[in-house]
Amino acid sequence: MRSDEIEPGIRRIEVEAASIRRGDVLTLGGRPLIVLDHVAVRDGELSISFVSGERLSVNPATSLIALRADAPGLQTRSFWAVRLPDRPHEIPGRAEIVAQVVLGCALILTIGLAVVVR
């Protein structure tokens, strides 16, 4: 495991599936993703869950670069949560989609009734 300190308490390290920790920040596709949890799946393969709800499966030989905060008493998740930008392309949930469809239909009905009444 190679390590480079980028600022006090924060290191850029090379990790493998077995050495990934909760709170590590992995940059995938240019997006920083915070590790929420990881579970062994099969044959040493690891399923990683991120705070954003996304998941990634890696095999034991996969090597990734992670940012890790190791300052004493520092809660890693809260440290990164205040420093990362909000997710601009968040996928809406099922309830939000249904609410938008219902609101859109109600708006169309209201406009249609207003036109008929005139």
PDB file of N, CA and C in Angstrom:
ATOM      1  N   MET A   1       0.849  -1.174   0.000  1.00  0.00           N
ATOM      2  CA  MET A   1       0.000   0.000   0.000  1.00  0.00           C
ATOM      3  C   MET A   1       0.895   1.238   0.000  1.00  0.00           C
ATOM      4  N   ARG A   2       0.868   2.005  -1.097  1.00  0.00           N
ATOM      5  CA  ARG A   2       1.667   3.214  -1.231  1.00  0.00           C
ATOM      6  C   ARG A   2       0.874   4.396  -0.683  1.00  0.00           C
ATOM      7  N   SER A   3       1.557   5.386  -0.095  1.00  0.00           N
ATOM      8  CA  SER A   3       0.875   6.513   0.533  1.00  0.00           C
ATOM      9  C   SER A   3       1.606   7.814   0.247  1.00  0.00           C
ATOM     10  N   ASP A   4       0.838   8.865  -0.089  1.00  0.00           N
ATOM     11  CA  ASP A   4       1.365  10.220  -0.264  1.00  0.00           C
ATOM     12  C   ASP A   4       0.479  11.167   0.529  1.00  0.00           C
ATOM     13  N   GLU A   5       1.074  11.953   1.436  1.00  0.00           N
ATOM     14  CA  GLU A   5       0.281  12.905   2.213  1.00  0.00           C
ATOM     15  C   GLU A   5       0.077  14.164   1.379  1.00  0.00           C
ATOM     16  N   ILE A   6      -1.204  14.552   1.171  1.00  0.00           N
ATOM     17  CA  ILE A   6      -1.472  15.751   0.375  1.00  0.00           C
ATOM     18  C   ILE A   6      -1.691  16.978   1.241  1.00  0.00           C
ATOM     19  N   GLU A   7      -2.140  16.789   2.451  1.00  0.00           N
ATOM     20  CA  GLU A   7      -2.195  17.847   3.452  1.00  0.00           C
ATOM     21  C   GLU A   7      -2.253  17.160   4.805  1.00  0.00           C
ATOM     22  N   PRO A   8      -2.023  17.890   5.889  1.00  0.00           N
ATOM     23  CA  PRO A   8      -1.977  17.228   7.198  1.00  0.00           C
ATOM     24  C   PRO A   8      -3.245  16.421   7.485  1.00  0.00           C
ATOM     25  N   GLY A   9      -3.068  15.149   7.764  1.00  0.00           N
ATOM     26  CA  GLY A   9      -4.194  14.283   8.106  1.00  0.00           C
ATOM     27  C   GLY A   9      -4.897  13.645   6.923  1.00  0.00           C
ATOM     28  N   ILE A  10      -4.552  14.033   5.698  1.00  0.00           N
ATOM     29  CA  ILE A  10      -5.194  13.453   4.514  1.00  0.00           C
ATOM     30  C   ILE A  10      -4.122  12.852   3.623  1.00  0.00           C
ATOM     31  N   ARG A  11      -4.310  11.570   3.306  1.00  0.00           N
ATOM     32  CA  ARG A  11      -3.329  10.877   2.479  1.00  0.00           C
ATOM     33  C   ARG A  11      -3.985  10.317   1.225  1.00  0.00           C
ATOM     34  N   ARG A  12      -3.236  10.314   0.137  1.00  0.00           N
ATOM     35  CA  ARG A  12      -3.649   9.635  -1.096  1.00  0.00           C
ATOM     36  C   ARG A  12      -2.939   8.291  -1.062  1.00  0.00           C
ATOM     37  N   ILE A  13      -3.731   7.212  -1.060  1.00  0.00           N
ATOM     38  CA  ILE A  13      -3.143   5.886  -0.942  1.00  0.00           C
ATOM     39  C   ILE A  13      -3.654   4.964  -2.043  1.00  0.00           C
ATOM     40  N   GLU A  14      -2.853   3.974  -2.349  1.00  0.00           N
ATOM     41  CA  GLU A  14      -3.266   2.937  -3.291  1.00  0.00           C
ATOM     42  C   GLU A  14      -3.836   1.792  -2.468  1.00  0.00           C
ATOM     43  N   VAL A  15      -5.083   1.414  -2.749  1.00  0.00           N
ATOM     44  CA  VAL A  15      -5.747   0.365  -1.978  1.00  0.00           C
ATOM     45  C   VAL A  15      -6.171  -0.775  -2.893  1.00  0.00           C
ATOM     46  N   GLU A  16      -6.270  -1.939  -2.301  1.00  0.00           N
ATOM     47  CA  GLU A  16      -6.830  -3.100  -2.982  1.00  0.00           C
ATOM     48  C   GLU A  16      -8.161  -3.408  -2.315  1.00  0.00           C
ATOM     49  N   ALA A  17      -8.891  -4.350  -2.841  1.00  0.00           N
ATOM     50  CA  ALA A  17     -10.218  -4.664  -2.311  1.00  0.00           C
ATOM     51  C   ALA A  17     -10.186  -4.921  -0.800  1.00  0.00           C
ATOM     52  N   ALA A  18      -9.177  -5.633  -0.323  1.00  0.00           N
ATOM     53  CA  ALA A  18      -9.103  -6.000   1.095  1.00  0.00           C
ATOM     54  C   ALA A  18      -8.784  -4.818   2.007  1.00  0.00           C
ATOM     55  N   SER A  19      -8.200  -3.749   1.473  1.00  0.00           N
ATOM     56  CA  SER A  19      -7.777  -2.645   2.342  1.00  0.00           C
ATOM     57  C   SER A  19      -8.680  -1.412   2.253  1.00  0.00           C
ATOM     58  N   ILE A  20      -9.805  -1.506   1.549  1.00  0.00           N
ATOM     59  CA  ILE A  20     -10.742  -0.379   1.470  1.00  0.00           C
ATOM     60  C   ILE A  20     -11.449  -0.238   2.810  1.00  0.00           C
ATOM     61  N   ARG A  21     -11.597   1.009   3.282  1.00  0.00           N
ATOM     62  CA  ARG A  21     -12.251   1.286   4.561  1.00  0.00           C
ATOM     63  C   ARG A  21     -13.460   2.181   4.359  1.00  0.00           C
ATOM     64  N   ARG A  22     -14.372   2.130   5.335  1.00  0.00           N
ATOM     65  CA  ARG A  22     -15.494   3.070   5.328  1.00  0.00           C
ATOM     66  C   ARG A  22     -14.931   4.479   5.454  1.00  0.00           C
ATOM     67  N   GLY A  23     -15.488   5.422   4.679  1.00  0.00           N
ATOM     68  CA  GLY A  23     -15.025   6.800   4.730  1.00  0.00           C
ATOM     69  C   GLY A  23     -13.967   7.127   3.698  1.00  0.00           C
ATOM     70  N   ASP A  24     -13.369   6.112   3.067  1.00  0.00           N
ATOM     71  CA  ASP A  24     -12.412   6.380   1.985  1.00  0.00           C
ATOM     72  C   ASP A  24     -13.135   7.090   0.847  1.00  0.00           C
ATOM     73  N   VAL A  25     -12.431   7.955   0.161  1.00  0.00           N
ATOM     74  CA  VAL A  25     -12.999   8.649  -0.993  1.00  0.00           C
ATOM     75  C   VAL A  25     -12.311   8.117  -2.244  1.00  0.00           C
ATOM     76  N   LEU A  26     -13.104   7.476  -3.100  1.00  0.00           N
ATOM     77  CA  LEU A  26     -12.596   6.948  -4.367  1.00  0.00           C
ATOM     78  C   LEU A  26     -13.084   7.860  -5.484  1.00  0.00           C
ATOM     79  N   THR A  27     -12.214   8.212  -6.411  1.00  0.00           N
ATOM     80  CA  THR A  27     -12.616   9.023  -7.551  1.00  0.00           C
ATOM     81  C   THR A  27     -12.799   8.099  -8.742  1.00  0.00           C
ATOM     82  N   LEU A  28     -14.040   7.993  -9.198  1.00  0.00           N
ATOM     83  CA  LEU A  28     -14.374   7.127 -10.328  1.00  0.00           C
ATOM     84  C   LEU A  28     -15.073   7.967 -11.388  1.00  0.00           C
ATOM     85  N   GLY A  29     -14.530   7.977 -12.575  1.00  0.00           N
ATOM     86  CA  GLY A  29     -15.118   8.769 -13.650  1.00  0.00           C
ATOM     87  C   GLY A  29     -15.091  10.258 -13.351  1.00  0.00           C
ATOM     88  N   GLY A  30     -14.111  10.702 -12.572  1.00  0.00           N
ATOM     89  CA  GLY A  30     -13.993  12.114 -12.230  1.00  0.00           C
ATOM     90  C   GLY A  30     -14.900  12.549 -11.088  1.00  0.00           C
ATOM     91  N   ARG A  31     -15.655  11.614 -10.512  1.00  0.00           N
ATOM     92  CA  ARG A  31     -16.568  11.936  -9.411  1.00  0.00           C
ATOM     93  C   ARG A  31     -16.042  11.349  -8.109  1.00  0.00           C
ATOM     94  N   PRO A  32     -15.942  12.169  -7.060  1.00  0.00           N
ATOM     95  CA  PRO A  32     -15.528  11.629  -5.766  1.00  0.00           C
ATOM     96  C   PRO A  32     -16.689  10.878  -5.115  1.00  0.00           C
ATOM     97  N   LEU A  33     -16.458   9.643  -4.729  1.00  0.00           N
ATOM     98  CA  LEU A  33     -17.483   8.816  -4.099  1.00  0.00           C
ATOM     99  C   LEU A  33     -16.980   8.361  -2.736  1.00  0.00           C
ATOM    100  N   ILE A  34     -17.798   8.555  -1.706  1.00  0.00           N
ATOM    101  CA  ILE A  34     -17.429   8.208  -0.336  1.00  0.00           C
ATOM    102  C   ILE A  34     -17.921   6.795  -0.028  1.00  0.00           C
ATOM    103  N   VAL A  35     -17.025   5.946   0.445  1.00  0.00           N
ATOM    104  CA  VAL A  35     -17.372   4.560   0.768  1.00  0.00           C
ATOM    105  C   VAL A  35     -18.221   4.539   2.035  1.00  0.00           C
ATOM    106  N   LEU A  36     -19.427   3.989   1.902  1.00  0.00           N
ATOM    107  CA  LEU A  36     -20.322   3.859   3.043  1.00  0.00           C
ATOM    108  C   LEU A  36     -20.142   2.496   3.705  1.00  0.00           C
ATOM    109  N   ASP A  37     -20.036   1.454   2.882  1.00  0.00           N
ATOM    110  CA  ASP A  37     -19.911   0.101   3.409  1.00  0.00           C
ATOM    111  C   ASP A  37     -19.330  -0.808   2.328  1.00  0.00           C
ATOM    112  N   HIS A  38     -18.803  -1.929   2.729  1.00  0.00           N
ATOM    113  CA  HIS A  38     -18.322  -2.922   1.770  1.00  0.00           C
ATOM    114  C   HIS A  38     -18.594  -4.313   2.325  1.00  0.00           C
ATOM    115  N   VAL A  39     -18.956  -5.211   1.410  1.00  0.00           N
ATOM    116  CA  VAL A  39     -19.340  -6.562   1.793  1.00  0.00           C
ATOM    117  C   VAL A  39     -18.646  -7.556   0.870  1.00  0.00           C
ATOM    118  N   ALA A  40     -18.109  -8.625   1.442  1.00  0.00           N
ATOM    119  CA  ALA A  40     -17.511  -9.687   0.628  1.00  0.00           C
ATOM    120  C   ALA A  40     -18.631 -10.442  -0.074  1.00  0.00           C
ATOM    121  N   VAL A  41     -18.480 -10.638  -1.385  1.00  0.00           N
ATOM    122  CA  VAL A  41     -19.527 -11.293  -2.162  1.00  0.00           C
ATOM    123  C   VAL A  41     -19.162 -12.755  -2.407  1.00  0.00           C
ATOM    124  N   ARG A  42     -18.136 -13.023  -3.195  1.00  0.00           N
ATOM    125  CA  ARG A  42     -17.708 -14.393  -3.483  1.00  0.00           C
ATOM    126  C   ARG A  42     -16.276 -14.378  -4.001  1.00  0.00           C
ATOM    127  N   ASP A  43     -15.550 -15.411  -3.723  1.00  0.00           N
ATOM    128  CA  ASP A  43     -14.177 -15.572  -4.216  1.00  0.00           C
ATOM    129  C   ASP A  43     -13.313 -14.333  -3.993  1.00  0.00           C
ATOM    130  N   GLY A  44     -13.480 -13.680  -2.861  1.00  0.00           N
ATOM    131  CA  GLY A  44     -12.681 -12.500  -2.560  1.00  0.00           C
ATOM    132  C   GLY A  44     -13.200 -11.225  -3.194  1.00  0.00           C
ATOM    133  N   GLU A  45     -14.259 -11.323  -4.006  1.00  0.00           N
ATOM    134  CA  GLU A  45     -14.843 -10.136  -4.635  1.00  0.00           C
ATOM    135  C   GLU A  45     -15.541  -9.304  -3.566  1.00  0.00           C
ATOM    136  N   LEU A  46     -15.520  -7.993  -3.751  1.00  0.00           N
ATOM    137  CA  LEU A  46     -16.060  -7.073  -2.762  1.00  0.00           C
ATOM    138  C   LEU A  46     -17.095  -6.172  -3.415  1.00  0.00           C
ATOM    139  N   SER A  47     -18.231  -5.990  -2.766  1.00  0.00           N
ATOM    140  CA  SER A  47     -19.256  -5.059  -3.230  1.00  0.00           C
ATOM    141  C   SER A  47     -19.161  -3.814  -2.356  1.00  0.00           C
ATOM    142  N   ILE A  48     -18.884  -2.664  -2.981  1.00  0.00           N
ATOM    143  CA  ILE A  48     -18.706  -1.408  -2.252  1.00  0.00           C
ATOM    144  C   ILE A  48     -19.949  -0.553  -2.436  1.00  0.00           C
ATOM    145  N   SER A  49     -20.530  -0.078  -1.328  1.00  0.00           N
ATOM    146  CA  SER A  49     -21.671   0.840  -1.370  1.00  0.00           C
ATOM    147  C   SER A  49     -21.163   2.237  -1.052  1.00  0.00           C
ATOM    148  N   PHE A  50     -21.631   3.220  -1.825  1.00  0.00           N
ATOM    149  CA  PHE A  50     -21.221   4.602  -1.622  1.00  0.00           C
ATOM    150  C   PHE A  50     -22.357   5.404  -0.988  1.00  0.00           C
ATOM    151  N   VAL A  51     -22.015   6.532  -0.386  1.00  0.00           N
ATOM    152  CA  VAL A  51     -22.998   7.400   0.257  1.00  0.00           C
ATOM    153  C   VAL A  51     -24.071   7.821  -0.741  1.00  0.00           C
ATOM    154  N   SER A  52     -23.710   7.973  -2.009  1.00  0.00           N
ATOM    155  CA  SER A  52     -24.650   8.414  -3.044  1.00  0.00           C
ATOM    156  C   SER A  52     -25.653   7.329  -3.425  1.00  0.00           C
ATOM    157  N   GLY A  53     -25.487   6.100  -2.907  1.00  0.00           N
ATOM    158  CA  GLY A  53     -26.395   5.009  -3.226  1.00  0.00           C
ATOM    159  C   GLY A  53     -25.884   4.100  -4.329  1.00  0.00           C
ATOM    160  N   GLU A  54     -24.800   4.470  -4.969  1.00  0.00           N
ATOM    161  CA  GLU A  54     -24.243   3.657  -6.041  1.00  0.00           C
ATOM    162  C   GLU A  54     -23.445   2.499  -5.456  1.00  0.00           C
ATOM    163  N   ARG A  55     -23.230   1.471  -6.281  1.00  0.00           N
ATOM    164  CA  ARG A  55     -22.460   0.305  -5.848  1.00  0.00           C
ATOM    165  C   ARG A  55     -21.422  -0.045  -6.893  1.00  0.00           C
ATOM    166  N   LEU A  56     -20.352  -0.647  -6.429  1.00  0.00           N
ATOM    167  CA  LEU A  56     -19.267  -1.071  -7.305  1.00  0.00           C
ATOM    168  C   LEU A  56     -18.765  -2.421  -6.820  1.00  0.00           C
ATOM    169  N   SER A  57     -18.572  -3.350  -7.743  1.00  0.00           N
ATOM    170  CA  SER A  57     -17.987  -4.650  -7.405  1.00  0.00           C
ATOM    171  C   SER A  57     -16.551  -4.673  -7.905  1.00  0.00           C
ATOM    172  N   VAL A  58     -15.641  -5.079  -7.031  1.00  0.00           N
ATOM    173  CA  VAL A  58     -14.231  -5.161  -7.409  1.00  0.00           C
ATOM    174  C   VAL A  58     -13.700  -6.540  -7.042  1.00  0.00           C
ATOM    175  N   ASN A  59     -12.756  -7.025  -7.845  1.00  0.00           N
ATOM    176  CA  ASN A  59     -12.142  -8.311  -7.522  1.00  0.00           C
ATOM    177  C   ASN A  59     -10.900  -8.057  -6.674  1.00  0.00           C
ATOM    178  N   PRO A  60     -10.335  -9.087  -6.072  1.00  0.00           N
ATOM    179  CA  PRO A  60      -9.210  -8.899  -5.150  1.00  0.00           C
ATOM    180  C   PRO A  60      -7.984  -8.235  -5.774  1.00  0.00           C
ATOM    181  N   ALA A  61      -7.804  -8.362  -7.074  1.00  0.00           N
ATOM    182  CA  ALA A  61      -6.614  -7.806  -7.723  1.00  0.00           C
ATOM    183  C   ALA A  61      -6.784  -6.342  -8.130  1.00  0.00           C
ATOM    184  N   THR A  62      -7.995  -5.789  -7.994  1.00  0.00           N
ATOM    185  CA  THR A  62      -8.238  -4.403  -8.390  1.00  0.00           C
ATOM    186  C   THR A  62      -7.474  -3.452  -7.486  1.00  0.00           C
ATOM    187  N   SER A  63      -6.779  -2.516  -8.101  1.00  0.00           N
ATOM    188  CA  SER A  63      -6.022  -1.512  -7.360  1.00  0.00           C
ATOM    189  C   SER A  63      -6.638  -0.144  -7.640  1.00  0.00           C
ATOM    190  N   LEU A  64      -6.974   0.589  -6.583  1.00  0.00           N
ATOM    191  CA  LEU A  64      -7.609   1.903  -6.709  1.00  0.00           C
ATOM    192  C   LEU A  64      -6.833   2.934  -5.905  1.00  0.00           C
ATOM    193  N   ILE A  65      -6.989   4.205  -6.259  1.00  0.00           N
ATOM    194  CA  ILE A  65      -6.403   5.298  -5.487  1.00  0.00           C
ATOM    195  C   ILE A  65      -7.513   5.897  -4.626  1.00  0.00           C
ATOM    196  N   ALA A  66      -7.246   6.057  -3.335  1.00  0.00           N
ATOM    197  CA  ALA A  66      -8.240   6.584  -2.402  1.00  0.00           C
ATOM    198  C   ALA A  66      -7.648   7.726  -1.597  1.00  0.00           C
ATOM    199  N   LEU A  67      -8.520   8.626  -1.149  1.00  0.00           N
ATOM    200  CA  LEU A  67      -8.132   9.645  -0.174  1.00  0.00           C
ATOM    201  C   LEU A  67      -8.623   9.157   1.176  1.00  0.00           C
ATOM    202  N   ARG A  68      -7.753   9.234   2.172  1.00  0.00           N
ATOM    203  CA  ARG A  68      -8.099   8.751   3.499  1.00  0.00           C
ATOM    204  C   ARG A  68      -7.690   9.789   4.528  1.00  0.00           C
ATOM    205  N   ALA A  69      -8.616  10.139   5.417  1.00  0.00           N
ATOM    206  CA  ALA A  69      -8.336  11.082   6.502  1.00  0.00           C
ATOM    207  C   ALA A  69      -8.101  10.274   7.773  1.00  0.00           C
ATOM    208  N   ASP A  70      -6.941  10.453   8.385  1.00  0.00           N
ATOM    209  CA  ASP A  70      -6.583   9.673   9.565  1.00  0.00           C
ATOM    210  C   ASP A  70      -6.299  10.523  10.800  1.00  0.00           C
ATOM    211  N   ALA A  71      -6.752  11.765  10.806  1.00  0.00           N
ATOM    212  CA  ALA A  71      -6.486  12.611  11.973  1.00  0.00           C
ATOM    213  C   ALA A  71      -7.226  12.057  13.187  1.00  0.00           C
ATOM    214  N   PRO A  72      -6.612  12.100  14.378  1.00  0.00           N
ATOM    215  CA  PRO A  72      -7.257  11.566  15.577  1.00  0.00           C
ATOM    216  C   PRO A  72      -8.566  12.294  15.869  1.00  0.00           C
ATOM    217  N   GLY A  73      -9.610  11.528  16.146  1.00  0.00           N
ATOM    218  CA  GLY A  73     -10.898  12.113  16.505  1.00  0.00           C
ATOM    219  C   GLY A  73     -11.688  12.651  15.329  1.00  0.00           C
ATOM    220  N   LEU A  74     -11.166  12.526  14.129  1.00  0.00           N
ATOM    221  CA  LEU A  74     -11.849  13.060  12.953  1.00  0.00           C
ATOM    222  C   LEU A  74     -12.821  12.020  12.416  1.00  0.00           C
ATOM    223  N   GLN A  75     -14.077  12.433  12.233  1.00  0.00           N
ATOM    224  CA  GLN A  75     -15.058  11.537  11.641  1.00  0.00           C
ATOM    225  C   GLN A  75     -14.961  11.708  10.133  1.00  0.00           C
ATOM    226  N   THR A  76     -14.459  10.721   9.466  1.00  0.00           N
ATOM    227  CA  THR A  76     -14.137  10.819   8.049  1.00  0.00           C
ATOM    228  C   THR A  76     -15.340  11.201   7.206  1.00  0.00           C
ATOM    229  N   ARG A  77     -16.482  10.577   7.423  1.00  0.00           N
ATOM    230  CA  ARG A  77     -17.648  10.867   6.583  1.00  0.00           C
ATOM    231  C   ARG A  77     -18.068  12.319   6.705  1.00  0.00           C
ATOM    232  N   SER A  78     -18.162  12.853   7.931  1.00  0.00           N
ATOM    233  CA  SER A  78     -18.592  14.237   8.086  1.00  0.00           C
ATOM    234  C   SER A  78     -17.534  15.189   7.532  1.00  0.00           C
ATOM    235  N   PHE A  79     -16.257  14.806   7.614  1.00  0.00           N
ATOM    236  CA  PHE A  79     -15.183  15.633   7.069  1.00  0.00           C
ATOM    237  C   PHE A  79     -15.368  15.829   5.572  1.00  0.00           C
ATOM    238  N   TRP A  80     -15.620  14.726   4.843  1.00  0.00           N
ATOM    239  CA  TRP A  80     -15.758  14.831   3.393  1.00  0.00           C
ATOM    240  C   TRP A  80     -17.112  15.394   2.993  1.00  0.00           C
ATOM    241  N   ALA A  81     -18.140  15.145   3.770  1.00  0.00           N
ATOM    242  CA  ALA A  81     -19.479  15.607   3.397  1.00  0.00           C
ATOM    243  C   ALA A  81     -19.542  17.126   3.306  1.00  0.00           C
ATOM    244  N   VAL A  82     -18.819  17.835   4.160  1.00  0.00           N
ATOM    245  CA  VAL A  82     -18.862  19.301   4.102  1.00  0.00           C
ATOM    246  C   VAL A  82     -17.945  19.848   3.017  1.00  0.00           C
ATOM    247  N   ARG A  83     -17.058  19.046   2.467  1.00  0.00           N
ATOM    248  CA  ARG A  83     -16.121  19.532   1.454  1.00  0.00           C
ATOM    249  C   ARG A  83     -16.494  19.151   0.023  1.00  0.00           C
ATOM    250  N   LEU A  84     -17.391  18.190  -0.139  1.00  0.00           N
ATOM    251  CA  LEU A  84     -17.790  17.777  -1.477  1.00  0.00           C
ATOM    252  C   LEU A  84     -18.976  18.612  -1.951  1.00  0.00           C
ATOM    253  N   PRO A  85     -19.041  18.946  -3.237  1.00  0.00           N
ATOM    254  CA  PRO A  85     -20.195  19.683  -3.744  1.00  0.00           C
ATOM    255  C   PRO A  85     -21.438  18.798  -3.722  1.00  0.00           C
ATOM    256  N   ASP A  86     -22.612  19.435  -3.702  1.00  0.00           N
ATOM    257  CA  ASP A  86     -23.849  18.670  -3.779  1.00  0.00           C
ATOM    258  C   ASP A  86     -23.886  17.918  -5.098  1.00  0.00           C
ATOM    259  N   ARG A  87     -24.580  16.828  -5.103  1.00  0.00           N
ATOM    260  CA  ARG A  87     -24.673  16.036  -6.328  1.00  0.00           C
ATOM    261  C   ARG A  87     -25.615  16.738  -7.302  1.00  0.00           C
ATOM    262  N   PRO A  88     -25.094  17.362  -8.363  1.00  0.00           N
ATOM    263  CA  PRO A  88     -25.954  18.116  -9.269  1.00  0.00           C
ATOM    264  C   PRO A  88     -26.839  17.229 -10.135  1.00  0.00           C
ATOM    265  N   HIS A  89     -26.459  15.980 -10.358  1.00  0.00           N
ATOM    266  CA  HIS A  89     -27.222  15.111 -11.249  1.00  0.00           C
ATOM    267  C   HIS A  89     -27.843  13.955 -10.478  1.00  0.00           C
ATOM    268  N   GLU A  90     -28.467  14.275  -9.363  1.00  0.00           N
ATOM    269  CA  GLU A  90     -29.057  13.237  -8.531  1.00  0.00           C
ATOM    270  C   GLU A  90     -30.273  12.640  -9.237  1.00  0.00           C
ATOM    271  N   ILE A  91     -30.389  11.341  -9.224  1.00  0.00           N
ATOM    272  CA  ILE A  91     -31.515  10.659  -9.853  1.00  0.00           C
ATOM    273  C   ILE A  91     -32.719  10.748  -8.921  1.00  0.00           C
ATOM    274  N   PRO A  92     -33.881  11.230  -9.433  1.00  0.00           N
ATOM    275  CA  PRO A  92     -35.057  11.352  -8.562  1.00  0.00           C
ATOM    276  C   PRO A  92     -35.589   9.981  -8.165  1.00  0.00           C
ATOM    277  N   GLY A  93     -36.166   9.922  -6.977  1.00  0.00           N
ATOM    278  CA  GLY A  93     -36.738   8.673  -6.493  1.00  0.00           C
ATOM    279  C   GLY A  93     -38.119   8.439  -7.082  1.00  0.00           C
ATOM    280  N   ARG A  94     -38.655   7.267  -6.821  1.00  0.00           N
ATOM    281  CA  ARG A  94     -39.964   6.893  -7.368  1.00  0.00           C
ATOM    282  C   ARG A  94     -41.061   7.856  -6.908  1.00  0.00           C
ATOM    283  N   ALA A  95     -41.089   8.203  -5.623  1.00  0.00           N
ATOM    284  CA  ALA A  95     -42.120   9.097  -5.093  1.00  0.00           C
ATOM    285  C   ALA A  95     -42.046  10.469  -5.756  1.00  0.00           C
ATOM    286  N   GLU A  96     -40.839  10.958  -5.988  1.00  0.00           N
ATOM    287  CA  GLU A  96     -40.680  12.268  -6.625  1.00  0.00           C
ATOM    288  C   GLU A  96     -41.184  12.241  -8.066  1.00  0.00           C
ATOM    289  N   ILE A  97     -40.925  11.160  -8.779  1.00  0.00           N
ATOM    290  CA  ILE A  97     -41.395  11.035 -10.161  1.00  0.00           C
ATOM    291  C   ILE A  97     -42.918  10.988 -10.199  1.00  0.00           C
ATOM    292  N   VAL A  98     -43.530  10.191  -9.310  1.00  0.00           N
ATOM    293  CA  VAL A  98     -44.993  10.094  -9.258  1.00  0.00           C
ATOM    294  C   VAL A  98     -45.594  11.452  -8.921  1.00  0.00           C
ATOM    295  N   ALA A  99     -45.012  12.160  -7.964  1.00  0.00           N
ATOM    296  CA  ALA A  99     -45.523  13.482  -7.587  1.00  0.00           C
ATOM    297  C   ALA A  99     -45.448  14.453  -8.761  1.00  0.00           C
ATOM    298  N   GLN A 100     -44.377  14.413  -9.531  1.00  0.00           N
ATOM    299  CA  GLN A 100     -44.248  15.305 -10.685  1.00  0.00           C
ATOM    300  C   GLN A 100     -45.266  14.971 -11.766  1.00  0.00           C
ATOM    301  N   VAL A 101     -45.517  13.685 -11.992  1.00  0.00           N
ATOM    302  CA  VAL A 101     -46.506  13.275 -12.997  1.00  0.00           C
ATOM    303  C   VAL A 101     -47.904  13.710 -12.569  1.00  0.00           C
ATOM    304  N   VAL A 102     -48.262  13.487 -11.305  1.00  0.00           N
ATOM    305  CA  VAL A 102     -49.580  13.887 -10.799  1.00  0.00           C
ATOM    306  C   VAL A 102     -49.744  15.396 -10.893  1.00  0.00           C
ATOM    307  N   LEU A 103     -48.745  16.143 -10.500  1.00  0.00           N
ATOM    308  CA  LEU A 103     -48.806  17.603 -10.568  1.00  0.00           C
ATOM    309  C   LEU A 103     -48.931  18.075 -12.014  1.00  0.00           C
ATOM    310  N   GLY A 104     -48.198  17.445 -12.925  1.00  0.00           N
ATOM    311  CA  GLY A 104     -48.286  17.802 -14.344  1.00  0.00           C
ATOM    312  C   GLY A 104     -49.672  17.537 -14.906  1.00  0.00           C
ATOM    313  N   CYS A 105     -50.259  16.389 -14.564  1.00  0.00           N
ATOM    314  CA  CYS A 105     -51.617  16.064 -15.029  1.00  0.00           C
ATOM    315  C   CYS A 105     -52.636  17.042 -14.461  1.00  0.00           C
ATOM    316  N   ALA A 106     -52.498  17.384 -13.185  1.00  0.00           N
ATOM    317  CA  ALA A 106     -53.416  18.350 -12.571  1.00  0.00           C
ATOM    318  C   ALA A 106     -53.301  19.706 -13.252  1.00  0.00           C
ATOM    319  N   LEU A 107     -52.111  20.109 -13.600  1.00  0.00           N
ATOM    320  CA  LEU A 107     -51.901  21.386 -14.286  1.00  0.00           C
ATOM    321  C   LEU A 107     -52.546  21.369 -15.670  1.00  0.00           C
ATOM    322  N   ILE A 108     -52.401  20.269 -16.396  1.00  0.00           N
ATOM    323  CA  ILE A 108     -53.005  20.155 -17.727  1.00  0.00           C
ATOM    324  C   ILE A 108     -54.529  20.193 -17.624  1.00  0.00           C
ATOM    325  N   LEU A 109     -55.102  19.488 -16.646  1.00  0.00           N
ATOM    326  CA  LEU A 109     -56.555  19.512 -16.452  1.00  0.00           C
ATOM    327  C   LEU A 109     -57.044  20.914 -16.111  1.00  0.00           C
ATOM    328  N   THR A 110     -56.326  21.610 -15.253  1.00  0.00           N
ATOM    329  CA  THR A 110     -56.705  22.973 -14.864  1.00  0.00           C
ATOM    330  C   THR A 110     -56.677  23.901 -16.066  1.00  0.00           C
ATOM    331  N   ILE A 111     -55.650  23.817 -16.875  1.00  0.00           N
ATOM    332  CA  ILE A 111     -55.555  24.666 -18.071  1.00  0.00           C
ATOM    333  C   ILE A 111     -56.669  24.305 -19.054  1.00  0.00           C
ATOM    334  N   GLY A 112     -56.930  23.010 -19.234  1.00  0.00           N
ATOM    335  CA  GLY A 112     -58.006  22.573 -20.129  1.00  0.00           C
ATOM    336  C   GLY A 112     -59.362  23.071 -19.673  1.00  0.00           C
ATOM    337  N   LEU A 113     -59.648  22.986 -18.374  1.00  0.00           N
ATOM    338  CA  LEU A 113     -60.922  23.488 -17.845  1.00  0.00           C
ATOM    339  C   LEU A 113     -61.027  24.999 -17.994  1.00  0.00           C
ATOM    340  N   ALA A 114     -59.934  25.704 -17.796  1.00  0.00           N
ATOM    341  CA  ALA A 114     -59.950  27.167 -17.947  1.00  0.00           C
ATOM    342  C   ALA A 114     -60.253  27.554 -19.387  1.00  0.00           C
ATOM    343  N   VAL A 115     -59.729  26.808 -20.342  1.00  0.00           N
ATOM    344  CA  VAL A 115     -59.989  27.088 -21.762  1.00  0.00           C
ATOM    345  C   VAL A 115     -61.448  26.786 -22.102  1.00  0.00           C
ATOM    346  N   VAL A 116     -61.992  25.681 -21.590  1.00  0.00           N
ATOM    347  CA  VAL A 116     -63.382  25.302 -21.869  1.00  0.00           C
ATOM    348  C   VAL A 116     -64.351  26.303 -21.251  1.00  0.00           C
ATOM    349  N   VAL A 117     -64.084  26.783 -20.050  1.00  0.00           N
ATOM    350  CA  VAL A 117     -64.972  27.719 -19.352  1.00  0.00           C
ATOM    351  C   VAL A 117     -65.034  29.054 -20.080  1.00  0.00           C
ATOM    352  N   ARG A 118     -63.962  29.493 -20.690  1.00  0.00           N
ATOM    353  CA  ARG A 118     -63.968  30.774 -21.403  1.00  0.00           C
ATOM    354  C   ARG A 118     -64.823  30.618 -22.578  1.00  0.00           C
TER     355      ARG A 118
END
